Amino acid sequence: FIGVQVNHPHLDAEFATTAEYTVRQSVKALMAGLALVGITGMYLRQ
């Protein structure tokens, strides 16, 4: 979540066609999935 924000370019249609955009979006999706697993474990723990 922190790493993907580093040097993040401005979001626009031109940037959306680049490989960097695809990589960043894939990382964000992975982050959301991992966070969901993480908070589920936190809740079940307590």
ModelCIF file with pLDDT and N, C-alpha, C, O atoms, coordinates in Angstrom:
data_MODEL
#
_entry.id   MODEL 
#
_entity.id                         1 
_entity.type                       polymer 
_entity.pdbx_number_of_molecules   1 
#
_entity_poly.entity_id                      1 
_entity_poly.type                           'polypeptide(L)' 
_entity_poly.nstd_linkage                   no 
_entity_poly.nstd_monomer                   no 
_entity_poly.pdbx_seq_one_letter_code       FIGVQVNHPHLDAEFATTAEYTVRQSVKALMAGLALVGITGMYLRQ 
_entity_poly.pdbx_seq_one_letter_code_can   FIGVQVNHPHLDAEFATTAEYTVRQSVKALMAGLALVGITGMYLRQ 
_entity_poly.pdbx_strand_id                 A 
#
loop_
_entity_poly_seq.entity_id 
_entity_poly_seq.num 
_entity_poly_seq.mon_id 
_entity_poly_seq.hetero 
1 1  PHE n 
1 2  ILE n 
1 3  GLY n 
1 4  VAL n 
1 5  GLN n 
1 6  VAL n 
1 7  ASN n 
1 8  HIS n 
1 9  PRO n 
1 10 HIS n 
1 11 LEU n 
1 12 ASP n 
1 13 ALA n 
1 14 GLU n 
1 15 PHE n 
1 16 ALA n 
1 17 THR n 
1 18 THR n 
1 19 ALA n 
1 20 GLU n 
1 21 TYR n 
1 22 THR n 
1 23 VAL n 
1 24 ARG n 
1 25 GLN n 
1 26 SER n 
1 27 VAL n 
1 28 LYS n 
1 29 ALA n 
1 30 LEU n 
1 31 MET n 
1 32 ALA n 
1 33 GLY n 
1 34 LEU n 
1 35 ALA n 
1 36 LEU n 
1 37 VAL n 
1 38 GLY n 
1 39 ILE n 
1 40 THR n 
1 41 GLY n 
1 42 MET n 
1 43 TYR n 
1 44 LEU n 
1 45 ARG n 
1 46 GLN n 
#
_struct_asym.id          A 
_struct_asym.entity_id   1 
#
loop_
_ma_qa_metric.id 
_ma_qa_metric.mode 
_ma_qa_metric.name 
_ma_qa_metric.software_group_id 
_ma_qa_metric.type 
1 global pLDDT . pLDDT 
2 local  pLDDT . pLDDT 
#
_ma_qa_metric_global.metric_id      1 
_ma_qa_metric_global.metric_value   92.76 
_ma_qa_metric_global.model_id       1 
_ma_qa_metric_global.ordinal_id     1 
#
loop_
_ma_qa_metric_local.label_asym_id 
_ma_qa_metric_local.label_comp_id 
_ma_qa_metric_local.label_seq_id 
_ma_qa_metric_local.metric_id 
_ma_qa_metric_local.metric_value 
_ma_qa_metric_local.model_id 
_ma_qa_metric_local.ordinal_id 
A PHE 1  2 92.00 1 1  
A ILE 2  2 91.00 1 2  
A GLY 3  2 91.00 1 3  
A VAL 4  2 89.00 1 4  
A GLN 5  2 86.00 1 5  
A VAL 6  2 84.00 1 6  
A ASN 7  2 85.00 1 7  
A HIS 8  2 84.00 1 8  
A PRO 9  2 87.00 1 9  
A HIS 10 2 86.00 1 10 
A LEU 11 2 88.00 1 11 
A ASP 12 2 91.00 1 12 
A ALA 13 2 93.00 1 13 
A GLU 14 2 94.00 1 14 
A PHE 15 2 93.00 1 15 
A ALA 16 2 94.00 1 16 
A THR 17 2 94.00 1 17 
A THR 18 2 95.00 1 18 
A ALA 19 2 94.00 1 19 
A GLU 20 2 94.00 1 20 
A TYR 21 2 94.00 1 21 
A THR 22 2 93.00 1 22 
A VAL 23 2 94.00 1 23 
A ARG 24 2 94.00 1 24 
A GLN 25 2 93.00 1 25 
A SER 26 2 94.00 1 26 
A VAL 27 2 95.00 1 27 
A LYS 28 2 94.00 1 28 
A ALA 29 2 95.00 1 29 
A LEU 30 2 96.00 1 30 
A MET 31 2 96.00 1 31 
A ALA 32 2 95.00 1 32 
A GLY 33 2 96.00 1 33 
A LEU 34 2 96.00 1 34 
A ALA 35 2 96.00 1 35 
A LEU 36 2 96.00 1 36 
A VAL 37 2 96.00 1 37 
A GLY 38 2 96.00 1 38 
A ILE 39 2 96.00 1 39 
A THR 40 2 96.00 1 40 
A GLY 41 2 95.00 1 41 
A MET 42 2 95.00 1 42 
A TYR 43 2 95.00 1 43 
A LEU 44 2 93.00 1 44 
A ARG 45 2 92.00 1 45 
A GLN 46 2 91.00 1 46 
#
loop_
_atom_site.group_PDB 
_atom_site.id 
_atom_site.type_symbol 
_atom_site.label_atom_id 
_atom_site.label_alt_id 
_atom_site.label_comp_id 
_atom_site.label_asym_id 
_atom_site.label_entity_id 
_atom_site.label_seq_id 
_atom_site.pdbx_PDB_ins_code 
_atom_site.Cartn_x 
_atom_site.Cartn_y 
_atom_site.Cartn_z 
_atom_site.occupancy 
_atom_site.B_iso_or_equiv 
_atom_site.pdbx_formal_charge 
_atom_site.auth_seq_id 
_atom_site.auth_comp_id 
_atom_site.auth_asym_id 
_atom_site.auth_atom_id 
_atom_site.pdbx_PDB_model_num 
ATOM 1   N N  . PHE A 1 1  ? 0.824   -1.202  0.000   1.00 92.00 ? 1  PHE A N  1 
ATOM 2   C CA . PHE A 1 1  ? 0.000   0.000   0.000   1.00 92.00 ? 1  PHE A CA 1 
ATOM 3   C C  . PHE A 1 1  ? 0.862   1.257   0.000   1.00 92.00 ? 1  PHE A C  1 
ATOM 4   O O  . PHE A 1 1  ? 0.534   2.250   -0.650  1.00 92.00 ? 1  PHE A O  1 
ATOM 5   N N  . ILE A 1 2  ? 1.960   1.201   0.733   1.00 91.00 ? 2  ILE A N  1 
ATOM 6   C CA . ILE A 1 2  ? 2.886   2.342   0.762   1.00 91.00 ? 2  ILE A CA 1 
ATOM 7   C C  . ILE A 1 2  ? 3.732   2.365   -0.505  1.00 91.00 ? 2  ILE A C  1 
ATOM 8   O O  . ILE A 1 2  ? 3.889   3.409   -1.137  1.00 91.00 ? 2  ILE A O  1 
ATOM 9   N N  . GLY A 1 3  ? 4.275   1.206   -0.871  1.00 91.00 ? 3  GLY A N  1 
ATOM 10  C CA . GLY A 1 3  ? 5.191   1.139   -1.999  1.00 91.00 ? 3  GLY A CA 1 
ATOM 11  C C  . GLY A 1 3  ? 4.579   1.567   -3.314  1.00 91.00 ? 3  GLY A C  1 
ATOM 12  O O  . GLY A 1 3  ? 5.252   2.200   -4.128  1.00 91.00 ? 3  GLY A O  1 
ATOM 13  N N  . VAL A 1 4  ? 3.310   1.234   -3.543  1.00 89.00 ? 4  VAL A N  1 
ATOM 14  C CA . VAL A 1 4  ? 2.696   1.544   -4.827  1.00 89.00 ? 4  VAL A CA 1 
ATOM 15  C C  . VAL A 1 4  ? 2.452   3.039   -4.998  1.00 89.00 ? 4  VAL A C  1 
ATOM 16  O O  . VAL A 1 4  ? 2.227   3.510   -6.113  1.00 89.00 ? 4  VAL A O  1 
ATOM 17  N N  . GLN A 1 5  ? 2.497   3.792   -3.890  1.00 86.00 ? 5  GLN A N  1 
ATOM 18  C CA . GLN A 1 5  ? 2.294   5.239   -3.972  1.00 86.00 ? 5  GLN A CA 1 
ATOM 19  C C  . GLN A 1 5  ? 3.568   5.998   -4.346  1.00 86.00 ? 5  GLN A C  1 
ATOM 20  O O  . GLN A 1 5  ? 3.502   7.161   -4.743  1.00 86.00 ? 5  GLN A O  1 
ATOM 21  N N  . VAL A 1 6  ? 4.717   5.351   -4.222  1.00 84.00 ? 6  VAL A N  1 
ATOM 22  C CA . VAL A 1 6  ? 5.991   6.032   -4.457  1.00 84.00 ? 6  VAL A CA 1 
ATOM 23  C C  . VAL A 1 6  ? 6.121   6.432   -5.926  1.00 84.00 ? 6  VAL A C  1 
ATOM 24  O O  . VAL A 1 6  ? 5.995   5.596   -6.821  1.00 84.00 ? 6  VAL A O  1 
ATOM 25  N N  . ASN A 1 7  ? 6.375   7.722   -6.161  1.00 85.00 ? 7  ASN A N  1 
ATOM 26  C CA . ASN A 1 7  ? 6.551   8.254   -7.519  1.00 85.00 ? 7  ASN A CA 1 
ATOM 27  C C  . ASN A 1 7  ? 5.389   7.885   -8.437  1.00 85.00 ? 7  ASN A C  1 
ATOM 28  O O  . ASN A 1 7  ? 5.586   7.622   -9.623  1.00 85.00 ? 7  ASN A O  1 
ATOM 29  N N  . HIS A 1 8  ? 4.187   7.869   -7.887  1.00 84.00 ? 8  HIS A N  1 
ATOM 30  C CA . HIS A 1 8  ? 3.013   7.508   -8.689  1.00 84.00 ? 8  HIS A CA 1 
ATOM 31  C C  . HIS A 1 8  ? 2.714   8.624   -9.685  1.00 84.00 ? 8  HIS A C  1 
ATOM 32  O O  . HIS A 1 8  ? 2.499   9.766   -9.279  1.00 84.00 ? 8  HIS A O  1 
ATOM 33  N N  . PRO A 1 9  ? 2.697   8.313   -10.990 1.00 87.00 ? 9  PRO A N  1 
ATOM 34  C CA . PRO A 1 9  ? 2.389   9.344   -11.993 1.00 87.00 ? 9  PRO A CA 1 
ATOM 35  C C  . PRO A 1 9  ? 0.952   9.817   -11.883 1.00 87.00 ? 9  PRO A C  1 
ATOM 36  O O  . PRO A 1 9  ? 0.121   9.193   -11.222 1.00 87.00 ? 9  PRO A O  1 
ATOM 37  N N  . HIS A 1 10 ? 0.677   10.924  -12.540 1.00 86.00 ? 10 HIS A N  1 
ATOM 38  C CA . HIS A 1 10 ? -0.689  11.450  -12.568 1.00 86.00 ? 10 HIS A CA 1 
ATOM 39  C C  . HIS A 1 10 ? -1.582  10.489  -13.347 1.00 86.00 ? 10 HIS A C  1 
ATOM 40  O O  . HIS A 1 10 ? -1.203  10.005  -14.414 1.00 86.00 ? 10 HIS A O  1 
ATOM 41  N N  . LEU A 1 11 ? -2.764  10.219  -12.810 1.00 88.00 ? 11 LEU A N  1 
ATOM 42  C CA . LEU A 1 11 ? -3.695  9.306   -13.465 1.00 88.00 ? 11 LEU A CA 1 
ATOM 43  C C  . LEU A 1 11 ? -4.432  10.007  -14.603 1.00 88.00 ? 11 LEU A C  1 
ATOM 44  O O  . LEU A 1 11 ? -5.161  10.972  -14.373 1.00 88.00 ? 11 LEU A O  1 
ATOM 45  N N  . ASP A 1 12 ? -4.244  9.526   -15.816 1.00 91.00 ? 12 ASP A N  1 
ATOM 46  C CA . ASP A 1 12 ? -5.013  10.010  -16.954 1.00 91.00 ? 12 ASP A CA 1 
ATOM 47  C C  . ASP A 1 12 ? -5.066  8.902   -18.002 1.00 91.00 ? 12 ASP A C  1 
ATOM 48  O O  . ASP A 1 12 ? -4.455  7.847   -17.837 1.00 91.00 ? 12 ASP A O  1 
ATOM 49  N N  . ALA A 1 13 ? -5.803  9.155   -19.082 1.00 93.00 ? 13 ALA A N  1 
ATOM 50  C CA . ALA A 1 13 ? -6.004  8.133   -20.107 1.00 93.00 ? 13 ALA A CA 1 
ATOM 51  C C  . ALA A 1 13 ? -4.687  7.725   -20.763 1.00 93.00 ? 13 ALA A C  1 
ATOM 52  O O  . ALA A 1 13 ? -4.507  6.559   -21.115 1.00 93.00 ? 13 ALA A O  1 
ATOM 53  N N  . GLU A 1 14 ? -3.787  8.655   -20.925 1.00 94.00 ? 14 GLU A N  1 
ATOM 54  C CA . GLU A 1 14 ? -2.505  8.317   -21.550 1.00 94.00 ? 14 GLU A CA 1 
ATOM 55  C C  . GLU A 1 14 ? -1.697  7.364   -20.679 1.00 94.00 ? 14 GLU A C  1 
ATOM 56  O O  . GLU A 1 14 ? -1.120  6.398   -21.178 1.00 94.00 ? 14 GLU A O  1 
ATOM 57  N N  . PHE A 1 15 ? -1.657  7.635   -19.382 1.00 93.00 ? 15 PHE A N  1 
ATOM 58  C CA . PHE A 1 15 ? -0.922  6.757   -18.468 1.00 93.00 ? 15 PHE A CA 1 
ATOM 59  C C  . PHE A 1 15 ? -1.559  5.369   -18.406 1.00 93.00 ? 15 PHE A C  1 
ATOM 60  O O  . PHE A 1 15 ? -0.864  4.377   -18.190 1.00 93.00 ? 15 PHE A O  1 
ATOM 61  N N  . ALA A 1 16 ? -2.891  5.296   -18.595 1.00 94.00 ? 16 ALA A N  1 
ATOM 62  C CA . ALA A 1 16 ? -3.596  4.024   -18.509 1.00 94.00 ? 16 ALA A CA 1 
ATOM 63  C C  . ALA A 1 16 ? -3.191  3.048   -19.601 1.00 94.00 ? 16 ALA A C  1 
ATOM 64  O O  . ALA A 1 16 ? -3.480  1.856   -19.495 1.00 94.00 ? 16 ALA A O  1 
ATOM 65  N N  . THR A 1 17 ? -2.532  3.525   -20.644 1.00 94.00 ? 17 THR A N  1 
ATOM 66  C CA . THR A 1 17 ? -2.127  2.639   -21.736 1.00 94.00 ? 17 THR A CA 1 
ATOM 67  C C  . THR A 1 17 ? -0.708  2.100   -21.554 1.00 94.00 ? 17 THR A C  1 
ATOM 68  O O  . THR A 1 17 ? -0.215  1.371   -22.414 1.00 94.00 ? 17 THR A O  1 
ATOM 69  N N  . THR A 1 18 ? -0.054  2.443   -20.465 1.00 95.00 ? 18 THR A N  1 
ATOM 70  C CA . THR A 1 18 ? 1.335   2.045   -20.258 1.00 95.00 ? 18 THR A CA 1 
ATOM 71  C C  . THR A 1 18 ? 1.442   0.764   -19.446 1.00 95.00 ? 18 THR A C  1 
ATOM 72  O O  . THR A 1 18 ? 0.513   0.377   -18.737 1.00 95.00 ? 18 THR A O  1 
ATOM 73  N N  . ALA A 1 19 ? 2.592   0.116   -19.564 1.00 94.00 ? 19 ALA A N  1 
ATOM 74  C CA . ALA A 1 19 ? 2.853   -1.107  -18.794 1.00 94.00 ? 19 ALA A CA 1 
ATOM 75  C C  . ALA A 1 19 ? 2.965   -0.792  -17.306 1.00 94.00 ? 19 ALA A C  1 
ATOM 76  O O  . ALA A 1 19 ? 2.567   -1.599  -16.466 1.00 94.00 ? 19 ALA A O  1 
ATOM 77  N N  . GLU A 1 20 ? 3.507   0.382   -16.979 1.00 94.00 ? 20 GLU A N  1 
ATOM 78  C CA . GLU A 1 20 ? 3.639   0.757   -15.568 1.00 94.00 ? 20 GLU A CA 1 
ATOM 79  C C  . GLU A 1 20 ? 2.268   0.829   -14.905 1.00 94.00 ? 20 GLU A C  1 
ATOM 80  O O  . GLU A 1 20 ? 2.107   0.403   -13.761 1.00 94.00 ? 20 GLU A O  1 
ATOM 81  N N  . TYR A 1 21 ? 1.294   1.361   -15.608 1.00 94.00 ? 21 TYR A N  1 
ATOM 82  C CA . TYR A 1 21 ? -0.055  1.441   -15.054 1.00 94.00 ? 21 TYR A CA 1 
ATOM 83  C C  . TYR A 1 21 ? -0.602  0.049   -14.752 1.00 94.00 ? 21 TYR A C  1 
ATOM 84  O O  . TYR A 1 21 ? -1.181  -0.181  -13.691 1.00 94.00 ? 21 TYR A O  1 
ATOM 85  N N  . THR A 1 22 ? -0.415  -0.868  -15.684 1.00 93.00 ? 22 THR A N  1 
ATOM 86  C CA . THR A 1 22 ? -0.912  -2.236  -15.484 1.00 93.00 ? 22 THR A CA 1 
ATOM 87  C C  . THR A 1 22 ? -0.257  -2.885  -14.279 1.00 93.00 ? 22 THR A C  1 
ATOM 88  O O  . THR A 1 22 ? -0.918  -3.568  -13.497 1.00 93.00 ? 22 THR A O  1 
ATOM 89  N N  . VAL A 1 23 ? 1.043   -2.672  -14.130 1.00 94.00 ? 23 VAL A N  1 
ATOM 90  C CA . VAL A 1 23 ? 1.758   -3.245  -12.988 1.00 94.00 ? 23 VAL A CA 1 
ATOM 91  C C  . VAL A 1 23 ? 1.240   -2.658  -11.690 1.00 94.00 ? 23 VAL A C  1 
ATOM 92  O O  . VAL A 1 23 ? 0.972   -3.391  -10.738 1.00 94.00 ? 23 VAL A O  1 
ATOM 93  N N  . ARG A 1 24 ? 1.098   -1.339  -11.643 1.00 94.00 ? 24 ARG A N  1 
ATOM 94  C CA . ARG A 1 24 ? 0.618   -0.688  -10.413 1.00 94.00 ? 24 ARG A CA 1 
ATOM 95  C C  . ARG A 1 24 ? -0.798  -1.144  -10.070 1.00 94.00 ? 24 ARG A C  1 
ATOM 96  O O  . ARG A 1 24 ? -1.095  -1.403  -8.904  1.00 94.00 ? 24 ARG A O  1 
ATOM 97  N N  . GLN A 1 25 ? -1.664  -1.244  -11.059 1.00 93.00 ? 25 GLN A N  1 
ATOM 98  C CA . GLN A 1 25 ? -3.026  -1.698  -10.799 1.00 93.00 ? 25 GLN A CA 1 
ATOM 99  C C  . GLN A 1 25 ? -3.044  -3.134  -10.290 1.00 93.00 ? 25 GLN A C  1 
ATOM 100 O O  . GLN A 1 25 ? -3.824  -3.468  -9.398  1.00 93.00 ? 25 GLN A O  1 
ATOM 101 N N  . SER A 1 26 ? -2.194  -3.976  -10.850 1.00 94.00 ? 26 SER A N  1 
ATOM 102 C CA . SER A 1 26 ? -2.128  -5.370  -10.405 1.00 94.00 ? 26 SER A CA 1 
ATOM 103 C C  . SER A 1 26 ? -1.646  -5.453  -8.963  1.00 94.00 ? 26 SER A C  1 
ATOM 104 O O  . SER A 1 26 ? -2.136  -6.273  -8.187  1.00 94.00 ? 26 SER A O  1 
ATOM 105 N N  . VAL A 1 27 ? -0.691  -4.607  -8.607  1.00 95.00 ? 27 VAL A N  1 
ATOM 106 C CA . VAL A 1 27 ? -0.191  -4.579  -7.235  1.00 95.00 ? 27 VAL A CA 1 
ATOM 107 C C  . VAL A 1 27 ? -1.284  -4.099  -6.279  1.00 95.00 ? 27 VAL A C  1 
ATOM 108 O O  . VAL A 1 27 ? -1.415  -4.622  -5.173  1.00 95.00 ? 27 VAL A O  1 
ATOM 109 N N  . LYS A 1 28 ? -2.062  -3.109  -6.703  1.00 94.00 ? 28 LYS A N  1 
ATOM 110 C CA . LYS A 1 28 ? -3.151  -2.600  -5.863  1.00 94.00 ? 28 LYS A CA 1 
ATOM 111 C C  . LYS A 1 28 ? -4.203  -3.677  -5.629  1.00 94.00 ? 28 LYS A C  1 
ATOM 112 O O  . LYS A 1 28 ? -4.719  -3.812  -4.520  1.00 94.00 ? 28 LYS A O  1 
ATOM 113 N N  . ALA A 1 29 ? -4.521  -4.443  -6.669  1.00 95.00 ? 29 ALA A N  1 
ATOM 114 C CA . ALA A 1 29 ? -5.488  -5.530  -6.510  1.00 95.00 ? 29 ALA A CA 1 
ATOM 115 C C  . ALA A 1 29 ? -4.949  -6.596  -5.564  1.00 95.00 ? 29 ALA A C  1 
ATOM 116 O O  . ALA A 1 29 ? -5.682  -7.104  -4.716  1.00 95.00 ? 29 ALA A O  1 
ATOM 117 N N  . LEU A 1 30 ? -3.669  -6.936  -5.708  1.00 96.00 ? 30 LEU A N  1 
ATOM 118 C CA . LEU A 1 30 ? -3.039  -7.900  -4.813  1.00 96.00 ? 30 LEU A CA 1 
ATOM 119 C C  . LEU A 1 30 ? -3.058  -7.393  -3.383  1.00 96.00 ? 30 LEU A C  1 
ATOM 120 O O  . LEU A 1 30 ? -3.326  -8.152  -2.451  1.00 96.00 ? 30 LEU A O  1 
ATOM 121 N N  . MET A 1 31 ? -2.773  -6.108  -3.208  1.00 96.00 ? 31 MET A N  1 
ATOM 122 C CA . MET A 1 31 ? -2.781  -5.507  -1.877  1.00 96.00 ? 31 MET A CA 1 
ATOM 123 C C  . MET A 1 31 ? -4.157  -5.638  -1.221  1.00 96.00 ? 31 MET A C  1 
ATOM 124 O O  . MET A 1 31 ? -4.262  -5.993  -0.047  1.00 96.00 ? 31 MET A O  1 
ATOM 125 N N  . ALA A 1 32 ? -5.207  -5.351  -1.988  1.00 95.00 ? 32 ALA A N  1 
ATOM 126 C CA . ALA A 1 32 ? -6.560  -5.427  -1.445  1.00 95.00 ? 32 ALA A CA 1 
ATOM 127 C C  . ALA A 1 32 ? -6.908  -6.854  -1.031  1.00 95.00 ? 32 ALA A C  1 
ATOM 128 O O  . ALA A 1 32 ? -7.538  -7.068  0.005   1.00 95.00 ? 32 ALA A O  1 
ATOM 129 N N  . GLY A 1 33 ? -6.495  -7.832  -1.843  1.00 96.00 ? 33 GLY A N  1 
ATOM 130 C CA . GLY A 1 33 ? -6.746  -9.224  -1.505  1.00 96.00 ? 33 GLY A CA 1 
ATOM 131 C C  . GLY A 1 33 ? -6.006  -9.665  -0.261  1.00 96.00 ? 33 GLY A C  1 
ATOM 132 O O  . GLY A 1 33 ? -6.574  -10.340 0.598   1.00 96.00 ? 33 GLY A O  1 
ATOM 133 N N  . LEU A 1 34 ? -4.738  -9.287  -0.158  1.00 96.00 ? 34 LEU A N  1 
ATOM 134 C CA . LEU A 1 34 ? -3.945  -9.635  1.024   1.00 96.00 ? 34 LEU A CA 1 
ATOM 135 C C  . LEU A 1 34 ? -4.499  -8.962  2.274   1.00 96.00 ? 34 LEU A C  1 
ATOM 136 O O  . LEU A 1 34 ? -4.543  -9.572  3.342   1.00 96.00 ? 34 LEU A O  1 
ATOM 137 N N  . ALA A 1 35 ? -4.919  -7.710  2.144   1.00 96.00 ? 35 ALA A N  1 
ATOM 138 C CA . ALA A 1 35 ? -5.471  -6.989  3.296   1.00 96.00 ? 35 ALA A CA 1 
ATOM 139 C C  . ALA A 1 35 ? -6.756  -7.648  3.784   1.00 96.00 ? 35 ALA A C  1 
ATOM 140 O O  . ALA A 1 35 ? -7.001  -7.720  4.988   1.00 96.00 ? 35 ALA A O  1 
ATOM 141 N N  . LEU A 1 36 ? -7.574  -8.127  2.854   1.00 96.00 ? 36 LEU A N  1 
ATOM 142 C CA . LEU A 1 36 ? -8.812  -8.793  3.240   1.00 96.00 ? 36 LEU A CA 1 
ATOM 143 C C  . LEU A 1 36 ? -8.526  -10.061 4.042   1.00 96.00 ? 36 LEU A C  1 
ATOM 144 O O  . LEU A 1 36 ? -9.192  -10.342 5.039   1.00 96.00 ? 36 LEU A O  1 
ATOM 145 N N  . VAL A 1 37 ? -7.528  -10.819 3.592   1.00 96.00 ? 37 VAL A N  1 
ATOM 146 C CA . VAL A 1 37 ? -7.112  -12.006 4.350   1.00 96.00 ? 37 VAL A CA 1 
ATOM 147 C C  . VAL A 1 37 ? -6.588  -11.597 5.725   1.00 96.00 ? 37 VAL A C  1 
ATOM 148 O O  . VAL A 1 37 ? -6.889  -12.236 6.733   1.00 96.00 ? 37 VAL A O  1 
ATOM 149 N N  . GLY A 1 38 ? -5.802  -10.525 5.748   1.00 96.00 ? 38 GLY A N  1 
ATOM 150 C CA . GLY A 1 38 ? -5.195  -10.072 7.000   1.00 96.00 ? 38 GLY A CA 1 
ATOM 151 C C  . GLY A 1 38 ? -6.209  -9.626  8.029   1.00 96.00 ? 38 GLY A C  1 
ATOM 152 O O  . GLY A 1 38 ? -6.133  -10.033 9.189   1.00 96.00 ? 38 GLY A O  1 
ATOM 153 N N  . ILE A 1 39 ? -7.168  -8.790  7.624   1.00 96.00 ? 39 ILE A N  1 
ATOM 154 C CA . ILE A 1 39 ? -8.131  -8.292  8.616   1.00 96.00 ? 39 ILE A CA 1 
ATOM 155 C C  . ILE A 1 39 ? -9.088  -9.403  9.064   1.00 96.00 ? 39 ILE A C  1 
ATOM 156 O O  . ILE A 1 39 ? -9.617  -9.359  10.174  1.00 96.00 ? 39 ILE A O  1 
ATOM 157 N N  . THR A 1 40 ? -9.306  -10.395 8.197   1.00 96.00 ? 40 THR A N  1 
ATOM 158 C CA . THR A 1 40 ? -10.121 -11.537 8.606   1.00 96.00 ? 40 THR A CA 1 
ATOM 159 C C  . THR A 1 40 ? -9.422  -12.307 9.723   1.00 96.00 ? 40 THR A C  1 
ATOM 160 O O  . THR A 1 40 ? -10.050 -12.711 10.701  1.00 96.00 ? 40 THR A O  1 
ATOM 161 N N  . GLY A 1 41 ? -8.108  -12.505 9.563   1.00 95.00 ? 41 GLY A N  1 
ATOM 162 C CA . GLY A 1 41 ? -7.339  -13.159 10.619  1.00 95.00 ? 41 GLY A CA 1 
ATOM 163 C C  . GLY A 1 41 ? -7.333  -12.358 11.905  1.00 95.00 ? 41 GLY A C  1 
ATOM 164 O O  . GLY A 1 41 ? -7.411  -12.928 12.993  1.00 95.00 ? 41 GLY A O  1 
ATOM 165 N N  . MET A 1 42 ? -7.239  -11.036 11.790  1.00 95.00 ? 42 MET A N  1 
ATOM 166 C CA . MET A 1 42 ? -7.262  -10.179 12.987  1.00 95.00 ? 42 MET A CA 1 
ATOM 167 C C  . MET A 1 42 ? -8.577  -10.322 13.733  1.00 95.00 ? 42 MET A C  1 
ATOM 168 O O  . MET A 1 42 ? -8.600  -10.446 14.957  1.00 95.00 ? 42 MET A O  1 
ATOM 169 N N  . TYR A 1 43 ? -9.673  -10.303 12.982  1.00 95.00 ? 43 TYR A N  1 
ATOM 170 C CA . TYR A 1 43 ? -10.980 -10.394 13.639  1.00 95.00 ? 43 TYR A CA 1 
ATOM 171 C C  . TYR A 1 43 ? -11.165 -11.753 14.312  1.00 95.00 ? 43 TYR A C  1 
ATOM 172 O O  . TYR A 1 43 ? -11.608 -11.822 15.458  1.00 95.00 ? 43 TYR A O  1 
ATOM 173 N N  . LEU A 1 44 ? -10.828 -12.832 13.606  1.00 93.00 ? 44 LEU A N  1 
ATOM 174 C CA . LEU A 1 44 ? -11.010 -14.164 14.176  1.00 93.00 ? 44 LEU A CA 1 
ATOM 175 C C  . LEU A 1 44 ? -10.103 -14.397 15.381  1.00 93.00 ? 44 LEU A C  1 
ATOM 176 O O  . LEU A 1 44 ? -10.438 -15.185 16.266  1.00 93.00 ? 44 LEU A O  1 
ATOM 177 N N  . ARG A 1 45 ? -8.965  -13.720 15.419  1.00 92.00 ? 45 ARG A N  1 
ATOM 178 C CA . ARG A 1 45 ? -8.036  -13.863 16.544  1.00 92.00 ? 45 ARG A CA 1 
ATOM 179 C C  . ARG A 1 45 ? -8.633  -13.311 17.827  1.00 92.00 ? 45 ARG A C  1 
ATOM 180 O O  . ARG A 1 45 ? -8.299  -13.781 18.915  1.00 92.00 ? 45 ARG A O  1 
ATOM 181 N N  . GLN A 1 46 ? -9.514  -12.315 17.717  1.00 91.00 ? 46 GLN A N  1 
ATOM 182 C CA . GLN A 1 46 ? -10.049 -11.660 18.915  1.00 91.00 ? 46 GLN A CA 1 
ATOM 183 C C  . GLN A 1 46 ? -11.556 -11.466 18.818  1.00 91.00 ? 46 GLN A C  1 
ATOM 184 O O  . GLN A 1 46 ? -12.171 -10.929 19.740  1.00 91.00 ? 46 GLN A O  1 
#
